[in-house]
C-alpha atoms as a PDB file:
ATOM      1  CA  MET A   1      83.227  -8.384  21.316  1.00  0.00           C
ATOM      2  CA  VAL A   2      84.230  -5.178  20.740  1.00  0.00           C
ATOM      3  CA  VAL A   3      81.738  -1.978  20.189  1.00  0.00           C
ATOM      4  CA  ALA A   4      83.092   1.028  18.998  1.00  0.00           C
ATOM      5  CA  ARG A   5      81.410   4.388  19.504  1.00  0.00           C
ATOM      6  CA  ILE A   6      82.699   7.345  16.696  1.00  0.00           C
ATOM      7  CA  GLY A   7      82.335  10.677  17.334  1.00  0.00           C
ATOM      8  CA  VAL A   8      81.915  12.839  14.846  1.00  0.00           C
ATOM      9  CA  VAL A   9      85.002  12.611  12.257  1.00  0.00           C
ATOM     10  CA  ILE A  10      86.890  15.776  11.233  1.00  0.00           C
ATOM     11  CA  ALA A  11      87.241  14.096   7.171  1.00  0.00           C
ATOM     12  CA  ALA A  12      86.841  15.647   3.720  1.00  0.00           C
ATOM     13  CA  GLU A  13      84.039  13.812   3.993  1.00  0.00           C
ATOM     14  CA  GLY A  14      80.858  13.293   6.211  1.00  0.00           C
ATOM     15  CA  MET A  15      79.596  15.508   8.408  1.00  0.00           C
ATOM     16  CA  LEU A  16      81.871  18.444   8.259  1.00  0.00           C
ATOM     17  CA  ALA A  17      81.396  18.073   4.228  1.00  0.00           C
ATOM     18  CA  GLY A  18      77.076  17.998   5.339  1.00  0.00           C
ATOM     19  CA  VAL A  19      77.812  21.526   7.445  1.00  0.00           C
ATOM     20  CA  LEU A  20      79.947  23.080   4.855  1.00  0.00           C
ATOM     21  CA  PRO A  21      76.324  24.349   2.798  1.00  0.00           C
ATOM     22  CA  LEU A  22      75.578  26.222   5.635  1.00  0.00           C
ATOM     23  CA  PHE A  23      77.942  27.622   6.754  1.00  0.00           C
ATOM     24  CA  ARG A  24      78.211  29.148   3.143  1.00  0.00           C
ATOM     25  CA  TRP A  25      74.932  30.025   3.468  1.00  0.00           C
ATOM     26  CA  ARG A  26      75.492  32.484   6.472  1.00  0.00           C
ATOM     27  CA  VAL A  27      73.037  30.087   9.061  1.00  0.00           C
ATOM     28  CA  GLY A  28      75.593  28.069  10.742  1.00  0.00           C
ATOM     29  CA  ARG A  29      76.266  29.618  13.722  1.00  0.00           C
ATOM     30  CA  PHE A  30      74.711  27.195  15.547  1.00  0.00           C
ATOM     31  CA  LEU A  31      72.552  24.312  14.632  1.00  0.00           C
ATOM     32  CA  GLY A  32      69.954  22.773  17.478  1.00  0.00           C
ATOM     33  CA  SER A  33      71.690  24.599  19.913  1.00  0.00           C
ATOM     34  CA  PRO A  34      75.100  26.610  20.603  1.00  0.00           C
ATOM     35  CA  ASP A  35      75.214  24.105  23.981  1.00  0.00           C
ATOM     36  CA  THR A  36      75.961  20.687  22.061  1.00  0.00           C
ATOM     37  CA  PRO A  37      78.463  19.462  22.915  1.00  0.00           C
ATOM     38  CA  ILE A  38      80.844  18.190  19.381  1.00  0.00           C
ATOM     39  CA  PRO A  39      82.604  14.914  20.269  1.00  0.00           C
ATOM     40  CA  TRP A  40      85.152  14.525  17.651  1.00  0.00           C
ATOM     41  CA  VAL A  41      88.098  13.030  16.081  1.00  0.00           C
ATOM     42  CA  ASP A  42      90.699  13.382  13.246  1.00  0.00           C
ATOM     43  CA  GLY A  43      90.148  10.714  10.631  1.00  0.00           C
ATOM     44  CA  ARG A  44      93.587  10.606  10.780  1.00  0.00           C
ATOM     45  CA  ASP A  45      93.374   8.841  14.446  1.00  0.00           C
ATOM     46  CA  LEU A  46      90.649   7.469  13.439  1.00  0.00           C
ATOM     47  CA  THR A  47      92.351   5.350  11.235  1.00  0.00           C
ATOM     48  CA  ARG A  48      94.760   4.914  14.293  1.00  0.00           C
ATOM     49  CA  LEU A  49      92.389   4.086  17.057  1.00  0.00           C
ATOM     50  CA  LEU A  50      90.294   1.590  14.945  1.00  0.00           C
ATOM     51  CA  VAL A  51      93.820  -0.448  14.438  1.00  0.00           C
ATOM     52  CA  HIS A  52      94.388   0.051  17.944  1.00  0.00           C
ATOM     53  CA  VAL A  53      91.140  -1.223  19.437  1.00  0.00           C
ATOM     54  CA  ALA A  54      92.021  -4.365  16.996  1.00  0.00           C
ATOM     55  CA  GLU A  55      94.815  -4.730  18.623  1.00  0.00           C
ATOM     56  CA  THR A  56      94.541  -4.230  22.465  1.00  0.00           C
ATOM     57  CA  ASP A  57      93.073  -7.148  24.267  1.00  0.00           C
ATOM     58  CA  GLY A  58      89.819  -6.976  25.632  1.00  0.00           C
ATOM     59  CA  SER A  59      86.043  -6.629  24.460  1.00  0.00           C
ATOM     60  CA  GLY A  60      83.710  -4.476  25.527  1.00  0.00           C
ATOM     61  CA  SER A  61      82.997  -0.904  24.301  1.00  0.00           C
ATOM     62  CA  PHE A  62      84.895   2.028  23.455  1.00  0.00           C
ATOM     63  CA  ASN A  63      84.353   5.561  22.745  1.00  0.00           C
ATOM     64  CA  LEU A  64      86.307   6.492  19.566  1.00  0.00           C
ATOM     65  CA  VAL A  65      86.480  10.726  19.855  1.00  0.00           C
ATOM     66  CA  GLY A  66      88.790  13.043  20.558  1.00  0.00           C
ATOM     67  CA  PRO A  67      89.976  14.387  23.656  1.00  0.00           C
ATOM     68  CA  SER A  68      88.200  17.383  24.095  1.00  0.00           C
ATOM     69  CA  SER A  69      84.234  17.815  23.388  1.00  0.00           C
ATOM     70  CA  PRO A  70      83.633  22.186  22.539  1.00  0.00           C
ATOM     71  CA  ARG A  71      80.433  23.648  21.885  1.00  0.00           C
ATOM     72  CA  PHE A  72      78.978  23.541  18.697  1.00  0.00           C
ATOM     73  CA  GLY A  73      79.538  26.985  19.326  1.00  0.00           C
ATOM     74  CA  GLU A  74      83.116  27.197  19.754  1.00  0.00           C
ATOM     75  CA  PHE A  75      83.114  24.622  16.752  1.00  0.00           C
ATOM     76  CA  ALA A  76      80.568  26.933  14.897  1.00  0.00           C
ATOM     77  CA  ASP A  77      83.889  29.442  15.322  1.00  0.00           C
ATOM     78  CA  ALA A  78      86.499  27.068  14.545  1.00  0.00           C
ATOM     79  CA  VAL A  79      84.840  25.787  10.917  1.00  0.00           C
ATOM     80  CA  GLN A  80      84.474  29.643  10.272  1.00  0.00           C
ATOM     81  CA  ALA A  81      88.125  30.690  10.849  1.00  0.00           C
ATOM     82  CA  VAL A  82      89.041  27.852   8.712  1.00  0.00           C
ATOM     83  CA  ILE A  83      86.544  29.089   5.933  1.00  0.00           C
ATOM     84  CA  GLY A  84      86.649  32.687   6.480  1.00  0.00           C
ATOM     85  CA  CYS A  85      83.241  33.001   6.444  1.00  0.00           C
ATOM     86  CA  ARG A  86      81.092  34.693   9.099  1.00  0.00           C
ATOM     87  CA  SER A  87      77.447  32.963  10.015  1.00  0.00           C
ATOM     88  CA  TRP A  88      74.690  36.082  11.420  1.00  0.00           C
ATOM     89  CA  PHE A  89      71.859  33.048  11.940  1.00  0.00           C
ATOM     90  CA  GLY A  90      71.492  29.353  13.295  1.00  0.00           C
ATOM     91  CA  LEU A  91      68.990  26.577  12.441  1.00  0.00           C
ATOM     92  CA  PRO A  92      66.752  25.555  15.383  1.00  0.00           C
ATOM     93  CA  THR A  93      66.139  21.874  15.199  1.00  0.00           C
ATOM     94  CA  SER A  94      63.051  21.018  13.229  1.00  0.00           C
ATOM     95  CA  VAL A  95      65.346  23.040  10.199  1.00  0.00           C
ATOM     96  CA  VAL A  96      68.469  21.008  10.991  1.00  0.00           C
ATOM     97  CA  ARG A  97      66.219  17.400  10.544  1.00  0.00           C
ATOM     98  CA  ALA A  98      64.694  18.691   7.428  1.00  0.00           C
ATOM     99  CA  VAL A  99      68.113  19.968   6.292  1.00  0.00           C
ATOM    100  CA  LEU A 100      70.372  17.307   6.549  1.00  0.00           C
ATOM    101  CA  GLY A 101      67.884  14.112   7.613  1.00  0.00           C
ATOM    102  CA  ARG A 102      66.806  12.577  10.187  1.00  0.00           C
ATOM    103  CA  ASP A 103      69.905  10.647  10.842  1.00  0.00           C
ATOM    104  CA  ALA A 104      72.888  13.306  10.273  1.00  0.00           C
ATOM    105  CA  ALA A 105      70.727  15.461  12.275  1.00  0.00           C
ATOM    106  CA  GLU A 106      70.767  13.330  15.195  1.00  0.00           C
ATOM    107  CA  LEU A 107      74.553  13.535  15.237  1.00  0.00           C
ATOM    108  CA  VAL A 108      74.729  16.794  15.070  1.00  0.00           C
ATOM    109  CA  LEU A 109      71.905  17.361  18.116  1.00  0.00           C
ATOM    110  CA  ALA A 110      73.185  14.400  19.924  1.00  0.00           C
ATOM    111  CA  ARG A 111      73.752  16.160  23.845  1.00  0.00           C
ATOM    112  CA  TYR A 112      76.626  13.073  24.608  1.00  0.00           C
ATOM    113  CA  GLN A 113      79.420  14.292  26.067  1.00  0.00           C
ATOM    114  CA  VAL A 114      81.936  11.573  25.367  1.00  0.00           C
ATOM    115  CA  ARG A 115      84.970  10.790  26.596  1.00  0.00           C
ATOM    116  CA  PRO A 116      87.941   8.462  25.534  1.00  0.00           C
ATOM    117  CA  ASP A 117      88.578   7.209  28.936  1.00  0.00           C
ATOM    118  CA  ARG A 118      89.376   3.570  27.400  1.00  0.00           C
ATOM    119  CA  VAL A 119      91.188   4.364  24.963  1.00  0.00           C
ATOM    120  CA  LEU A 120      93.631   6.570  26.983  1.00  0.00           C
ATOM    121  CA  ALA A 121      93.899   4.072  29.877  1.00  0.00           C
ATOM    122  CA  SER A 122      95.155   1.401  26.725  1.00  0.00           C
ATOM    123  CA  GLY A 123      97.738   3.855  25.873  1.00  0.00           C
ATOM    124  CA  PHE A 124      96.342   5.051  22.497  1.00  0.00           C
ATOM    125  CA  VAL A 125      98.279   8.713  21.986  1.00  0.00           C
ATOM    126  CA  PHE A 126      96.862  11.204  20.047  1.00  0.00           C
ATOM    127  CA  GLU A 127      98.588  13.077  17.266  1.00  0.00           C
ATOM    128  CA  HIS A 128      95.530  15.488  16.225  1.00  0.00           C
ATOM    129  CA  THR A 129      93.653  17.436  18.528  1.00  0.00           C
ATOM    130  CA  ASP A 130      93.282  20.419  17.459  1.00  0.00           C
ATOM    131  CA  LEU A 131      90.182  21.715  16.152  1.00  0.00           C
ATOM    132  CA  HIS A 132      91.181  23.455  13.813  1.00  0.00           C
ATOM    133  CA  ARG A 133      94.285  22.292  12.168  1.00  0.00           C
ATOM    134  CA  SER A 134      91.924  19.363  11.754  1.00  0.00           C
ATOM    135  CA  ILE A 135      89.571  21.494   9.695  1.00  0.00           C
ATOM    136  CA  ARG A 136      92.101  23.053   7.774  1.00  0.00           C
ATOM    137  CA  HIS A 137      93.536  19.303   6.922  1.00  0.00           C
ATOM    138  CA  ALA A 138      90.186  17.916   6.087  1.00  0.00           C
ATOM    139  CA  LEU A 139      89.212  20.796   3.554  1.00  0.00           C
ATOM    140  CA  GLY A 140      92.844  20.499   1.990  1.00  0.00           C
ATOM    141  CA  SER A 141      93.501  24.485   3.341  1.00  0.00           C
END
């Protein structure tokens, strides 16, 4: 049996769509803590990863995240650069949970430092590792 652990997916929907209004309201500078790692994967690489893992002989857990996990502050800088809007404030944990809902907030607030070691060892090569470019692609710009 294969277990796929999926990080924050940079795609038109999902976490990015959920946090964009916060950045546009200028309160997305940090969510919970600017030091929270954001293990992310480009949606296009995720599709390829799912196929790769399904075709890999093996079982167990695979971390379906890209090779880098920026801190939320770096992630926020990338989003703001792409949308051309600077956030002035951050939101404490309690507000993040109220705005995003408990499940989505846990994904944003979790302090998981996750690496894709097993998928890299199985020969997978990421094609989309530039966070700025992935965000631009996801937003259609």
